[in-house]
N, C-alpha and C. Protein backbone atom coordinates (compact mmCIF):
# COMPACT_ATOMS: atom_id res chain seq x y z
N UNK A 1 -15.90 22.94 25.07
CA UNK A 1 -16.52 22.82 24.11
C UNK A 1 -15.40 21.50 23.49
N UNK A 2 -15.69 20.46 23.11
CA UNK A 2 -15.17 19.41 22.55
C UNK A 2 -14.58 19.67 21.10
N UNK A 3 -13.64 18.92 20.98
CA UNK A 3 -13.09 19.10 19.60
C UNK A 3 -13.24 17.64 18.50
N UNK A 4 -14.25 18.10 17.33
CA UNK A 4 -14.57 17.28 16.55
C UNK A 4 -13.29 16.43 15.45
N UNK A 5 -13.54 15.25 15.53
CA UNK A 5 -12.25 14.78 14.67
C UNK A 5 -12.62 15.25 13.41
N UNK A 6 -11.69 15.87 13.10
CA UNK A 6 -11.40 16.15 11.53
C UNK A 6 -10.52 15.28 10.98
N UNK A 7 -10.00 14.55 10.95
CA UNK A 7 -9.32 13.61 9.51
C UNK A 7 -9.07 12.18 10.41
N UNK A 8 -8.58 11.02 9.43
CA UNK A 8 -8.21 9.91 9.91
C UNK A 8 -6.84 9.86 10.76
N UNK A 9 -6.21 11.15 10.48
CA UNK A 9 -4.63 10.98 11.12
C UNK A 9 -5.01 11.38 12.60
N UNK A 10 -5.80 12.08 13.14
CA UNK A 10 -5.86 12.76 14.39
C UNK A 10 -5.68 12.11 15.23
N UNK A 11 -6.32 10.67 15.49
CA UNK A 11 -5.61 9.91 16.54
C UNK A 11 -3.83 9.67 17.22
N UNK A 12 -3.16 10.13 15.62
CA UNK A 12 -1.88 9.97 15.83
C UNK A 12 -1.09 11.43 16.85
N UNK A 13 -2.06 12.23 16.68
CA UNK A 13 -2.03 13.67 17.44
C UNK A 13 -2.57 13.84 18.46
N UNK A 14 -3.63 12.97 19.03
CA UNK A 14 -4.11 13.25 20.29
C UNK A 14 -5.60 13.93 19.82
N UNK A 15 -5.93 14.19 18.51
CA UNK A 15 -7.65 14.96 18.44
C UNK A 15 -8.48 13.77 18.27
N UNK A 16 -9.55 14.57 17.77
CA UNK A 16 -10.80 13.28 17.63
C UNK A 16 -11.22 13.05 19.19
N UNK A 17 -11.33 13.80 20.34
CA UNK A 17 -11.98 13.35 21.17
C UNK A 17 -13.52 13.70 21.95
N UNK A 18 -14.22 13.99 20.59
CA UNK A 18 -15.33 14.12 21.11
C UNK A 18 -15.99 12.72 21.09
N UNK A 19 -16.41 12.60 22.47
CA UNK A 19 -17.56 10.95 22.63
C UNK A 19 -18.64 10.80 21.84
N UNK A 20 -19.51 11.70 21.01
CA UNK A 20 -20.47 11.72 20.29
C UNK A 20 -19.98 11.40 18.95
N UNK A 21 -18.57 11.77 18.12
CA UNK A 21 -18.08 11.41 16.88
C UNK A 21 -17.41 10.57 16.82
N UNK A 22 -16.64 9.98 17.83
CA UNK A 22 -16.18 8.29 18.30
C UNK A 22 -17.15 7.60 18.46
N UNK A 23 -18.41 7.71 19.08
CA UNK A 23 -19.58 6.71 18.71
C UNK A 23 -19.80 6.24 17.55
N UNK A 24 -20.37 7.03 16.95
CA UNK A 24 -20.20 7.23 15.46
C UNK A 24 -19.32 6.35 14.53
N UNK A 25 -18.58 7.02 14.67
CA UNK A 25 -17.17 5.88 13.80
C UNK A 25 -17.00 4.93 14.48
N UNK A 26 -17.34 4.80 16.02
CA UNK A 26 -17.11 2.84 16.18
C UNK A 26 -17.99 2.19 15.39
N UNK A 27 -19.55 2.82 15.24
CA UNK A 27 -20.54 2.10 14.84
C UNK A 27 -20.00 1.73 13.34
N UNK A 28 -19.22 2.87 12.83
CA UNK A 28 -18.38 2.75 11.05
C UNK A 28 -17.68 1.68 11.41
N UNK A 29 -17.16 1.78 11.80
CA UNK A 29 -15.91 0.73 11.91
C UNK A 29 -16.61 -0.64 12.24
N UNK A 30 -17.39 -1.00 12.72
CA UNK A 30 -17.83 -2.25 13.04
C UNK A 30 -18.73 -2.39 11.73
N UNK A 31 -19.13 -1.97 11.25
CA UNK A 31 -20.12 -2.12 9.47
C UNK A 31 -19.37 -2.58 8.99
N UNK A 32 -17.99 -1.44 8.71
CA UNK A 32 -16.83 -1.76 7.51
C UNK A 32 -16.21 -3.35 7.69
N UNK A 33 -15.52 -3.35 9.05
CA UNK A 33 -15.37 -4.52 9.36
C UNK A 33 -15.78 -5.88 8.76
N UNK A 34 -17.15 -5.50 9.03
CA UNK A 34 -18.05 -6.93 8.75
C UNK A 34 -17.73 -6.85 6.89
N UNK A 35 -18.31 -5.52 6.22
CA UNK A 35 -18.24 -5.53 5.17
C UNK A 35 -16.79 -5.52 4.28
N UNK A 36 -15.62 -5.93 5.01
CA UNK A 36 -14.38 -5.96 4.52
C UNK A 36 -13.84 -7.88 4.46
N UNK A 37 -15.02 -8.32 5.47
CA UNK A 37 -14.37 -9.79 5.57
C UNK A 37 -13.36 -10.93 4.52
N UNK A 38 -14.55 -10.44 3.31
CA UNK A 38 -13.95 -11.22 2.36
C UNK A 38 -12.28 -10.65 1.83
N UNK A 39 -12.16 -9.50 1.78
CA UNK A 39 -11.38 -8.81 1.15
C UNK A 39 -10.11 -8.73 2.46
N UNK A 40 -10.26 -9.00 3.22
CA UNK A 40 -9.34 -9.31 4.42
C UNK A 40 -9.45 -10.85 5.52
N UNK A 41 -9.65 -12.04 4.39
CA UNK A 41 -10.11 -12.94 4.72
C UNK A 41 -8.93 -14.15 4.66
N UNK A 42 -7.77 -13.63 4.15
CA UNK A 42 -6.48 -15.24 4.30
C UNK A 42 -5.35 -13.94 4.18
N UNK A 43 -4.41 -14.81 4.69
CA UNK A 43 -3.17 -13.91 4.70
C UNK A 43 -2.40 -14.25 3.77
N UNK A 44 -2.75 -15.27 2.79
CA UNK A 44 -2.02 -15.76 1.77
C UNK A 44 -1.65 -14.27 0.78
N UNK A 45 -2.84 -13.79 0.29
CA UNK A 45 -2.16 -12.77 -0.35
C UNK A 45 -1.45 -11.53 -0.27
N UNK A 46 -1.07 -11.19 0.94
CA UNK A 46 -0.08 -10.64 1.82
C UNK A 46 0.89 -10.92 1.42
N UNK A 47 1.07 -12.45 1.88
CA UNK A 47 2.47 -13.59 1.77
C UNK A 47 3.13 -12.97 -0.06
N UNK A 48 2.30 -13.32 -0.83
CA UNK A 48 2.78 -13.44 -2.11
C UNK A 48 2.98 -11.69 -2.33
N UNK A 49 2.29 -10.97 -1.94
CA UNK A 49 2.68 -9.39 -2.08
C UNK A 49 4.08 -9.04 -1.00
N UNK A 50 4.44 -9.86 -0.27
CA UNK A 50 5.61 -9.69 0.68
C UNK A 50 6.85 -10.09 -0.65
N UNK A 51 6.39 -11.15 -0.98
CA UNK A 51 7.49 -11.72 -1.69
C UNK A 51 7.61 -11.27 -3.04
N UNK A 52 6.24 -10.62 -3.90
CA UNK A 52 6.49 -10.08 -5.40
C UNK A 52 7.06 -9.26 -5.67
N UNK A 53 6.49 -8.45 -4.62
CA UNK A 53 6.89 -6.91 -4.83
C UNK A 53 8.39 -6.67 -4.43
N UNK A 54 9.11 -6.75 -3.41
CA UNK A 54 10.41 -6.66 -3.32
C UNK A 54 11.37 -7.36 -4.40
N UNK A 55 10.72 -8.50 -4.69
CA UNK A 55 11.45 -9.25 -6.11
C UNK A 55 11.47 -8.47 -7.35
N UNK A 56 10.17 -8.19 -7.39
CA UNK A 56 10.25 -7.05 -8.74
C UNK A 56 11.27 -5.46 -8.92
N UNK A 57 10.84 -5.05 -7.69
CA UNK A 57 11.92 -3.77 -6.88
C UNK A 57 13.60 -4.10 -6.95
N UNK A 58 13.93 -5.00 -7.01
CA UNK A 58 15.23 -5.56 -6.66
C UNK A 58 15.98 -5.97 -8.15
N UNK A 59 14.90 -6.57 -9.18
CA UNK A 59 14.86 -7.25 -10.07
C UNK A 59 14.95 -6.37 -11.40
N UNK A 60 14.41 -4.87 -10.64
CA UNK A 60 14.06 -3.36 -11.71
C UNK A 60 15.43 -3.47 -12.94
N UNK A 61 16.48 -2.38 -11.83
CA UNK A 61 17.75 -1.95 -12.62
C UNK A 61 18.32 -3.17 -13.39
N UNK A 62 18.82 -4.43 -12.96
CA UNK A 62 18.89 -5.25 -13.46
C UNK A 62 18.35 -5.69 -14.99
N UNK A 63 17.45 -5.96 -14.82
CA UNK A 63 16.44 -5.80 -15.86
C UNK A 63 16.66 -5.13 -17.02
N UNK A 64 16.82 -3.33 -16.77
CA UNK A 64 16.11 -2.59 -17.43
C UNK A 64 17.92 -2.87 -17.99
N UNK A 65 19.15 -2.66 -17.16
CA UNK A 65 20.46 -2.47 -17.97
C UNK A 65 20.30 -3.61 -19.10
N UNK A 66 19.61 -4.66 -18.53
CA UNK A 66 20.29 -6.05 -19.81
C UNK A 66 19.16 -5.95 -20.48
N UNK A 67 17.90 -5.67 -20.68
CA UNK A 67 16.90 -5.97 -21.70
C UNK A 67 15.91 -4.56 -21.75
N UNK A 68 16.28 -3.67 -21.52
CA UNK A 68 15.75 -2.17 -21.53
C UNK A 68 14.40 -2.18 -21.01
N UNK A 69 13.54 -1.08 -21.29
CA UNK A 69 12.32 -0.63 -20.75
C UNK A 69 11.44 -1.53 -20.83
N UNK A 70 10.94 -2.01 -21.82
CA UNK A 70 10.15 -2.75 -22.36
C UNK A 70 10.01 -4.13 -21.51
N UNK A 71 11.41 -4.63 -21.35
CA UNK A 71 11.10 -5.78 -20.27
C UNK A 71 11.00 -5.16 -18.76
N UNK A 72 11.55 -4.44 -18.39
CA UNK A 72 10.56 -3.65 -17.42
C UNK A 72 9.37 -3.63 -17.02
N UNK A 73 8.66 -3.08 -17.96
CA UNK A 73 7.24 -2.99 -18.21
C UNK A 73 6.67 -4.64 -17.43
N UNK A 74 7.31 -5.27 -18.45
CA UNK A 74 6.76 -6.77 -18.27
C UNK A 74 7.03 -7.69 -17.25
N UNK A 75 8.01 -7.40 -16.51
CA UNK A 75 8.06 -7.78 -15.31
C UNK A 75 7.13 -7.04 -14.03
N UNK A 76 6.89 -5.84 -14.10
CA UNK A 76 6.08 -5.33 -13.33
C UNK A 76 4.62 -5.79 -13.37
N UNK A 77 4.49 -6.17 -14.95
CA UNK A 77 3.18 -6.54 -15.09
C UNK A 77 2.64 -7.91 -14.76
N UNK A 78 3.89 -8.81 -15.03
CA UNK A 78 4.06 -10.14 -14.42
C UNK A 78 3.88 -10.05 -13.03
N UNK A 79 4.21 -9.31 -12.45
CA UNK A 79 4.24 -9.21 -11.02
C UNK A 79 2.80 -8.97 -10.43
N UNK A 80 2.27 -7.84 -10.92
CA UNK A 80 0.99 -7.44 -10.94
C UNK A 80 0.24 -8.49 -10.77
N UNK A 81 0.07 -9.25 -12.24
CA UNK A 81 -0.99 -10.31 -12.37
C UNK A 81 -0.60 -11.55 -11.60
N UNK A 82 0.12 -11.92 -11.17
CA UNK A 82 0.64 -12.95 -10.39
C UNK A 82 -0.06 -12.84 -9.03
N UNK A 83 0.01 -11.31 -8.32
CA UNK A 83 -0.34 -11.11 -7.04
C UNK A 83 -1.60 -10.87 -7.09
N UNK A 84 -2.27 -10.33 -8.28
CA UNK A 84 -3.90 -10.48 -8.40
C UNK A 84 -4.56 -11.61 -8.38
N UNK A 85 -3.93 -12.66 -9.35
CA UNK A 85 -4.10 -13.82 -9.15
C UNK A 85 -4.77 -14.62 -7.72
N UNK A 86 -3.57 -14.33 -6.96
CA UNK A 86 -3.70 -15.19 -5.62
C UNK A 86 -4.64 -14.00 -4.83
N UNK A 87 -4.68 -12.51 -4.81
CA UNK A 87 -5.64 -11.81 -3.87
C UNK A 87 -7.13 -12.42 -5.06
N UNK A 88 -7.42 -12.49 -6.54
CA UNK A 88 -8.53 -12.64 -6.55
C UNK A 88 -8.95 -14.38 -5.94
N UNK A 89 -8.43 -15.16 -5.86
CA UNK A 89 -8.78 -16.22 -5.55
C UNK A 89 -9.02 -16.05 -3.75
N UNK A 90 -8.28 -15.67 -3.53
CA UNK A 90 -8.50 -15.71 -1.58
C UNK A 90 -10.36 -14.55 -1.43
N UNK A 91 -10.58 -13.56 -2.37
CA UNK A 91 -11.43 -12.61 -2.34
C UNK A 91 -12.82 -13.43 -3.02
N UNK A 92 -12.75 -14.31 -3.69
CA UNK A 92 -13.58 -15.52 -4.41
C UNK A 92 -14.20 -16.39 -3.10
N UNK A 93 -13.04 -16.49 -2.33
CA UNK A 93 -13.46 -17.57 -1.17
C UNK A 93 -14.07 -17.02 -0.27
N UNK A 94 -13.95 -15.79 -0.44
CA UNK A 94 -14.06 -15.09 0.79
C UNK A 94 -15.80 -14.51 0.88
N UNK A 95 -15.66 -14.35 -0.37
CA UNK A 95 -17.05 -14.10 -1.04
C UNK A 95 -18.39 -15.28 -1.00
N UNK A 96 -17.85 -16.55 -0.83
CA UNK A 96 -18.61 -17.46 -0.78
C UNK A 96 -19.33 -17.52 0.65
N UNK A 97 -18.19 -16.77 1.35
CA UNK A 97 -18.93 -17.02 3.14
C UNK A 97 -20.08 -16.38 3.17
N UNK A 98 -20.05 -15.19 2.66
CA UNK A 98 -20.81 -13.92 2.85
C UNK A 98 -20.61 -12.68 2.01
N UNK A 99 -22.05 -12.21 1.50
CA UNK A 99 -21.98 -11.35 0.51
C UNK A 99 -21.50 -10.24 0.77
N UNK A 100 -20.70 -9.27 0.30
CA UNK A 100 -20.27 -7.97 0.40
C UNK A 100 -21.20 -6.91 0.30
N UNK A 101 -21.46 -6.32 1.41
CA UNK A 101 -22.55 -4.96 1.91
C UNK A 101 -22.25 -3.37 0.62
N UNK A 102 -22.65 -2.46 0.85
CA UNK A 102 -22.54 -1.78 0.42
C UNK A 102 -21.23 -0.85 0.47
N UNK A 103 -20.64 -0.90 2.04
CA UNK A 103 -19.49 -0.30 2.27
C UNK A 103 -17.98 -1.24 1.61
N UNK A 104 -18.33 -2.41 1.78
CA UNK A 104 -17.17 -3.30 0.99
C UNK A 104 -17.33 -2.67 -0.74
N UNK A 105 -18.59 -2.35 -0.98
CA UNK A 105 -18.25 -1.79 -2.58
C UNK A 105 -17.78 -0.41 -3.05
N UNK A 106 -18.23 0.31 -1.65
CA UNK A 106 -17.12 1.54 -1.43
C UNK A 106 -15.99 1.70 -1.69
N UNK A 107 -15.75 0.52 -0.92
CA UNK A 107 -14.19 0.58 -0.32
C UNK A 107 -13.27 0.34 -1.76
N UNK A 108 -13.75 -0.94 -2.63
CA UNK A 108 -13.24 -1.36 -3.91
C UNK A 108 -13.44 0.06 -4.91
N UNK A 109 -14.13 0.40 -4.72
CA UNK A 109 -14.31 1.63 -5.57
C UNK A 109 -13.29 2.83 -5.08
N UNK A 110 -13.22 3.26 -4.21
CA UNK A 110 -11.80 4.25 -3.68
C UNK A 110 -10.88 3.45 -3.88
N UNK A 111 -10.63 2.61 -3.69
CA UNK A 111 -9.42 1.78 -4.63
C UNK A 111 -8.85 2.12 -5.66
N UNK A 112 -9.87 1.93 -6.36
CA UNK A 112 -10.04 1.88 -8.16
C UNK A 112 -9.77 3.15 -7.83
N UNK A 113 -10.49 4.11 -7.49
CA UNK A 113 -10.00 5.41 -7.88
C UNK A 113 -8.61 5.73 -7.73
N UNK A 114 -8.17 5.51 -6.65
CA UNK A 114 -7.00 5.48 -6.15
C UNK A 114 -6.00 5.15 -7.07
N UNK A 115 -6.31 4.09 -7.73
CA UNK A 115 -5.23 2.92 -8.41
C UNK A 115 -5.34 4.20 -9.95
N UNK A 116 -6.31 4.86 -10.16
CA UNK A 116 -6.05 5.61 -11.39
C UNK A 116 -5.42 6.73 -11.21
N UNK A 117 -5.61 7.71 -10.03
CA UNK A 117 -4.99 8.38 -9.19
C UNK A 117 -3.34 8.15 -10.17
N UNK A 118 -2.72 7.24 -9.38
CA UNK A 118 -1.62 7.03 -9.09
C UNK A 118 -0.92 6.82 -10.65
N UNK A 119 -2.06 5.71 -11.61
CA UNK A 119 -1.47 5.55 -13.01
C UNK A 119 -1.19 7.41 -13.39
N UNK A 120 -2.12 7.95 -13.40
CA UNK A 120 -1.99 9.38 -13.66
C UNK A 120 -0.24 10.00 -13.46
N UNK A 121 -0.24 10.10 -11.93
CA UNK A 121 0.62 11.10 -11.67
C UNK A 121 2.19 9.91 -11.85
N UNK A 122 1.85 8.56 -11.81
CA UNK A 122 3.06 7.77 -12.43
C UNK A 122 3.27 8.40 -14.02
N UNK A 123 2.31 8.32 -14.90
CA UNK A 123 2.53 8.96 -16.47
C UNK A 123 3.32 10.32 -16.40
N UNK A 124 2.85 11.43 -15.26
CA UNK A 124 3.44 12.50 -15.41
C UNK A 124 4.87 12.61 -15.27
N UNK A 125 5.23 11.89 -13.70
CA UNK A 125 6.28 11.82 -13.16
C UNK A 125 7.53 11.10 -14.40
N UNK A 126 7.32 10.09 -14.90
CA UNK A 126 7.73 9.46 -15.66
C UNK A 126 7.95 10.40 -17.47
N UNK A 127 6.59 10.81 -17.58
CA UNK A 127 7.01 11.66 -18.46
C UNK A 127 7.90 13.51 -18.46
N UNK A 128 8.16 13.45 -17.50
CA UNK A 128 8.79 14.25 -16.61
C UNK A 128 10.40 14.01 -16.34
N UNK A 129 10.63 12.73 -17.23
CA UNK A 129 12.14 12.24 -16.90
C UNK A 129 12.19 11.94 -15.18
N UNK A 130 11.51 11.54 -14.17
CA UNK A 130 11.97 12.01 -13.26
C UNK A 130 11.16 10.34 -12.33
N UNK A 131 11.38 9.19 -13.40
CA UNK A 131 10.77 7.87 -12.79
C UNK A 131 11.78 7.40 -12.18
N UNK A 132 12.51 8.03 -11.27
CA UNK A 132 12.95 7.39 -10.23
C UNK A 132 12.93 7.54 -8.92
N UNK A 133 11.78 8.47 -8.82
CA UNK A 133 10.61 9.01 -7.86
C UNK A 133 9.62 7.76 -7.52
N UNK A 134 8.78 7.15 -8.96
CA UNK A 134 7.99 6.69 -8.64
C UNK A 134 8.08 5.35 -7.41
N UNK A 135 8.82 4.58 -6.93
CA UNK A 135 8.90 4.20 -5.65
C UNK A 135 8.33 5.09 -4.61
N UNK A 136 8.89 5.86 -4.24
CA UNK A 136 8.46 6.73 -3.44
C UNK A 136 6.84 7.15 -3.19
N UNK A 137 6.50 7.54 -4.36
CA UNK A 137 5.63 7.73 -4.72
C UNK A 137 4.48 6.90 -4.88
N UNK A 138 4.47 5.76 -4.86
CA UNK A 138 4.04 4.75 -4.66
C UNK A 138 3.49 4.36 -3.54
N UNK A 139 4.59 4.29 -2.72
CA UNK A 139 4.68 4.24 -1.14
C UNK A 139 3.73 4.54 -0.53
N UNK A 140 3.69 6.71 -0.83
CA UNK A 140 2.78 7.31 -0.16
C UNK A 140 1.77 7.09 -0.45
N UNK A 141 1.21 6.73 -1.62
CA UNK A 141 -0.21 6.73 -2.22
C UNK A 141 -0.59 5.42 -1.62
N UNK A 142 -0.42 3.76 -1.20
CA UNK A 142 -0.56 2.79 -0.64
C UNK A 142 -1.04 3.61 0.34
N UNK A 143 0.21 3.75 0.97
CA UNK A 143 0.40 3.99 2.78
C UNK A 143 -1.24 4.94 3.19
N UNK A 144 -1.58 5.78 2.28
CA UNK A 144 -2.41 6.64 2.77
C UNK A 144 -3.57 5.45 2.69
N UNK A 145 -3.75 5.02 1.47
CA UNK A 145 -4.95 3.95 1.14
C UNK A 145 -5.19 2.96 2.78
N UNK A 146 -3.72 2.61 2.74
CA UNK A 146 -4.10 1.51 3.93
C UNK A 146 -4.28 2.09 5.49
N UNK A 147 -3.70 2.79 5.59
CA UNK A 147 -4.05 3.87 7.04
C UNK A 147 -5.30 3.76 7.30
N UNK A 148 -5.86 4.61 6.33
CA UNK A 148 -7.49 5.15 6.13
C UNK A 148 -8.50 4.09 6.08
N UNK A 149 -8.36 2.92 5.78
CA UNK A 149 -8.86 1.81 5.56
C UNK A 149 -8.66 1.22 7.00
N UNK A 150 -7.60 0.53 7.32
CA UNK A 150 -7.15 0.17 8.44
C UNK A 150 -7.46 0.66 9.48
N UNK A 151 -7.98 2.02 9.41
CA UNK A 151 -8.52 2.67 10.92
C UNK A 151 -10.04 1.97 10.95
N UNK A 152 -10.62 1.78 9.74
CA UNK A 152 -12.10 1.26 9.67
C UNK A 152 -12.06 -0.35 10.14
N UNK A 153 -11.37 -1.15 9.67
CA UNK A 153 -11.49 -2.48 9.14
C UNK A 153 -10.42 -2.99 10.21
N UNK A 154 -9.00 -2.61 10.16
CA UNK A 154 -8.22 -4.02 10.61
C UNK A 154 -6.68 -3.27 10.95
N UNK A 155 -6.71 -3.14 12.46
CA UNK A 155 -5.65 -2.11 13.06
C UNK A 155 -3.98 -2.81 11.96
N UNK A 156 -3.82 -3.92 11.86
CA UNK A 156 -2.72 -3.76 11.39
C UNK A 156 -2.31 -3.41 9.90
N UNK A 157 -3.67 -3.57 8.97
CA UNK A 157 -3.59 -2.29 8.13
C UNK A 157 -3.37 -1.18 8.15
N UNK A 158 -3.62 -0.78 9.29
CA UNK A 158 -3.60 0.78 9.37
C UNK A 158 -2.21 0.77 9.81
N UNK A 159 -1.63 -0.24 10.87
CA UNK A 159 0.12 -0.02 10.76
C UNK A 159 1.12 0.12 9.75
N UNK A 160 0.39 -0.65 8.95
CA UNK A 160 1.22 -0.78 7.63
C UNK A 160 1.29 0.19 6.96
N UNK A 161 -0.08 1.34 6.85
CA UNK A 161 -0.08 2.06 6.09
C UNK A 161 0.72 3.16 6.79
N UNK A 162 1.55 3.48 8.16
CA UNK A 162 2.29 4.49 8.60
C UNK A 162 3.78 4.02 8.13
N UNK A 163 3.91 2.50 8.06
CA UNK A 163 5.48 1.94 7.90
C UNK A 163 5.26 2.30 6.06
N UNK A 164 4.15 2.15 5.28
CA UNK A 164 4.44 2.63 3.93
C UNK A 164 4.39 4.22 3.30
N UNK A 165 3.82 4.91 4.64
CA UNK A 165 4.07 6.08 4.26
C UNK A 165 5.41 6.70 4.70
N UNK A 166 6.28 6.27 5.91
CA UNK A 166 7.48 6.67 6.44
C UNK A 166 8.22 5.83 4.93
N UNK A 167 8.13 4.72 4.34
CA UNK A 167 8.93 4.19 3.43
C UNK A 167 8.96 4.87 2.45
N UNK A 168 7.64 5.81 2.02
CA UNK A 168 7.94 6.41 0.44
C UNK A 168 8.65 7.63 1.30
N UNK A 169 8.59 8.38 1.83
CA UNK A 169 9.35 9.42 2.45
C UNK A 169 11.18 9.49 2.57
N UNK A 170 11.20 8.40 3.12
CA UNK A 170 12.50 7.75 2.88
C UNK A 170 13.09 7.34 1.36
N UNK A 171 12.30 6.82 0.80
CA UNK A 171 12.73 6.80 -0.31
C UNK A 171 12.89 7.71 -1.39
N UNK A 172 11.63 8.81 -1.30
CA UNK A 172 12.10 10.42 -1.81
C UNK A 172 13.08 10.91 -1.62
N UNK A 173 12.99 11.19 -0.24
CA UNK A 173 14.55 11.70 0.05
C UNK A 173 15.95 10.86 -0.12
N UNK A 174 16.19 9.87 -0.38
CA UNK A 174 17.06 8.96 -0.71
C UNK A 174 17.29 9.33 -2.36
N UNK A 175 16.26 9.17 -3.06
CA UNK A 175 16.34 9.59 -4.40
C UNK A 175 16.88 10.98 -4.91
N UNK A 176 16.31 11.74 -3.83
CA UNK A 176 16.97 13.23 -4.46
C UNK A 176 17.94 14.13 -4.01
N UNK A 177 18.26 13.28 -2.47
CA UNK A 177 19.79 13.70 -2.21
C UNK A 177 20.86 12.92 -2.21
N UNK A 178 22.40 13.43 -2.47
CA UNK A 178 23.21 12.65 -2.48
C UNK A 178 23.25 11.85 -1.20
N UNK A 179 24.08 10.32 -1.12
CA UNK A 179 24.62 9.80 -0.42
C UNK A 179 25.90 9.51 0.03
N UNK A 180 26.57 9.77 1.40
CA UNK A 180 27.82 9.10 1.37
C UNK A 180 28.15 7.94 0.71
N UNK A 181 29.56 7.68 -0.43
CA UNK A 181 29.72 6.73 -0.80
C UNK A 181 28.35 5.96 -2.17
N UNK A 182 27.31 6.72 -2.12
CA UNK A 182 26.37 6.72 -2.71
C UNK A 182 26.03 7.37 -4.01
N UNK A 183 26.76 8.36 -4.99
CA UNK A 183 26.83 9.48 -5.56
C UNK A 183 25.18 9.54 -6.45
N UNK A 184 24.92 10.93 -6.26
CA UNK A 184 23.91 11.20 -6.98
C UNK A 184 23.80 11.10 -8.43
N UNK A 185 22.91 10.36 -9.06
CA UNK A 185 23.06 9.78 -10.16
C UNK A 185 21.82 9.38 -10.57
N UNK A 186 21.18 9.39 -11.50
CA UNK A 186 19.96 8.79 -12.02
C UNK A 186 19.76 7.42 -11.42
N UNK A 187 20.80 6.43 -11.84
CA UNK A 187 20.66 4.94 -12.03
C UNK A 187 20.92 4.47 -9.94
N UNK A 188 21.76 5.67 -9.72
CA UNK A 188 21.99 5.57 -7.73
C UNK A 188 20.69 6.11 -7.18
N UNK A 189 19.91 7.26 -7.45
CA UNK A 189 18.64 7.50 -6.95
C UNK A 189 17.62 6.30 -6.98
N UNK A 190 17.73 6.03 -8.37
CA UNK A 190 16.38 4.69 -8.46
C UNK A 190 16.93 3.86 -7.55
N UNK A 191 17.76 3.29 -7.67
CA UNK A 191 18.51 1.85 -6.53
C UNK A 191 18.31 2.86 -5.39
N UNK A 192 18.14 3.31 -4.82
CA UNK A 192 18.14 3.63 -3.67
C UNK A 192 16.47 3.40 -3.28
N UNK A 193 15.36 4.36 -4.16
CA UNK A 193 14.24 4.10 -4.00
C UNK A 193 13.42 3.16 -3.89
N UNK A 194 14.20 2.29 -4.61
CA UNK A 194 13.43 0.53 -5.04
C UNK A 194 14.06 -0.28 -4.10
N UNK A 195 15.62 -0.09 -3.53
CA UNK A 195 15.46 -1.02 -1.99
C UNK A 195 14.80 -0.55 -1.16
N UNK A 196 14.72 0.47 -1.21
CA UNK A 196 13.50 1.38 0.04
C UNK A 196 12.20 0.54 -0.15
N UNK A 197 11.63 0.35 -1.48
CA UNK A 197 10.45 0.32 -1.55
C UNK A 197 10.35 -1.27 -1.39
N UNK A 198 11.40 -1.97 -1.44
CA UNK A 198 11.33 -3.80 -1.51
C UNK A 198 11.59 -4.14 0.12
N UNK A 199 12.09 -2.99 0.70
CA UNK A 199 12.26 -3.46 2.12
C UNK A 199 10.92 -3.27 2.96
N UNK A 200 9.99 -1.83 2.52
CA UNK A 200 8.57 -1.36 3.29
C UNK A 200 7.99 -2.36 2.55
N UNK A 201 7.81 -3.13 1.34
CA UNK A 201 6.38 -3.70 1.19
C UNK A 201 6.82 -4.97 2.17
N UNK A 202 8.09 -5.31 2.48
CA UNK A 202 8.10 -7.09 2.39
C UNK A 202 7.78 -6.58 4.09
N UNK A 203 8.41 -5.61 4.89
CA UNK A 203 7.75 -5.28 6.16
C UNK A 203 6.08 -4.89 6.31
N UNK A 204 5.64 -3.80 5.51
CA UNK A 204 4.42 -3.50 5.75
C UNK A 204 3.31 -5.04 5.39
N UNK A 205 3.97 -5.59 3.88
CA UNK A 205 3.30 -6.76 3.72
C UNK A 205 2.78 -7.32 4.58
N UNK A 206 3.80 -8.26 5.02
CA UNK A 206 4.27 -9.10 6.13
C UNK A 206 4.02 -8.79 7.34
N UNK A 207 3.63 -7.47 7.64
CA UNK A 207 2.62 -7.51 9.04
C UNK A 207 1.67 -7.76 9.04
N UNK A 208 0.68 -7.41 7.48
CA UNK A 208 -0.50 -7.68 7.49
C UNK A 208 -1.22 -9.08 7.50
N UNK A 209 -0.13 -9.96 6.58
CA UNK A 209 -0.35 -11.30 6.87
C UNK A 209 -0.35 -11.99 7.90
N UNK A 210 0.61 -11.58 8.92
CA UNK A 210 1.01 -11.92 10.15
C UNK A 210 -0.38 -11.95 11.08
N UNK A 211 -1.07 -10.30 11.06
CA UNK A 211 -2.06 -10.17 11.84
C UNK A 211 -3.35 -11.03 11.29
N UNK A 212 -3.25 -11.09 10.00
CA UNK A 212 -4.39 -12.28 9.27
C UNK A 212 -4.33 -13.36 9.91
N UNK A 213 -3.30 -14.20 9.98
CA UNK A 213 -2.57 -15.50 10.78
C UNK A 213 -3.17 -15.21 11.69
N UNK A 214 -2.64 -14.34 12.78
CA UNK A 214 -3.40 -14.03 14.48
C UNK A 214 -4.85 -14.73 14.46
N UNK A 215 -5.51 -13.87 13.39
CA UNK A 215 -7.12 -13.43 14.00
C UNK A 215 -7.15 -15.07 13.60
N UNK A 216 -6.99 -15.43 12.90
CA UNK A 216 -7.33 -16.94 11.74
C UNK A 216 -8.41 -17.93 13.13
N UNK A 217 -9.40 -18.80 13.16
CA UNK A 217 -9.54 -19.05 14.22
C UNK A 217 -9.06 -20.31 14.48
């Protein structure tokens, strides 16, 4: 008796070898790839994120030391607005080439739900006085989303999801544990997590951008 595919992560561990379930999954992947064409139509939004997110991460502690927590909130708000503006412009151009179907709408709703979960978890972690763990938490959440959607639509997105999840795990460990020559203090832990966040987002978003550039006609 063949074993049916149980999760999106089974291919990493050799699972999901039922030919019937694979045929169904392949048809879903084809439909989702078409539905996500507008979202994955241009490399430039990912280039923007590959620059903006690492820059904001590396500026977070200096900005906090100089101007306080409100300035950090302003820094990240401006970063998200700038990246979102580039992404929104590309999404509008992509939609002009073809109307998104129900699978595309489902993907956007799923992303919205994930963002809500991330906001709630972030508020909880920050409220407990453990804001240093936020970079690792966000990398794990983004990595899971990218891996799942990438398995349906775009392989480089899936690869980036693995990179993000590995980076999230490393960020959490380095934030929690002392490192030789880097004493375990709130500032040191936060600094290491933000450094890993910067490197991971640059690599992951850059990889997606490169994949989209290679796919262009």
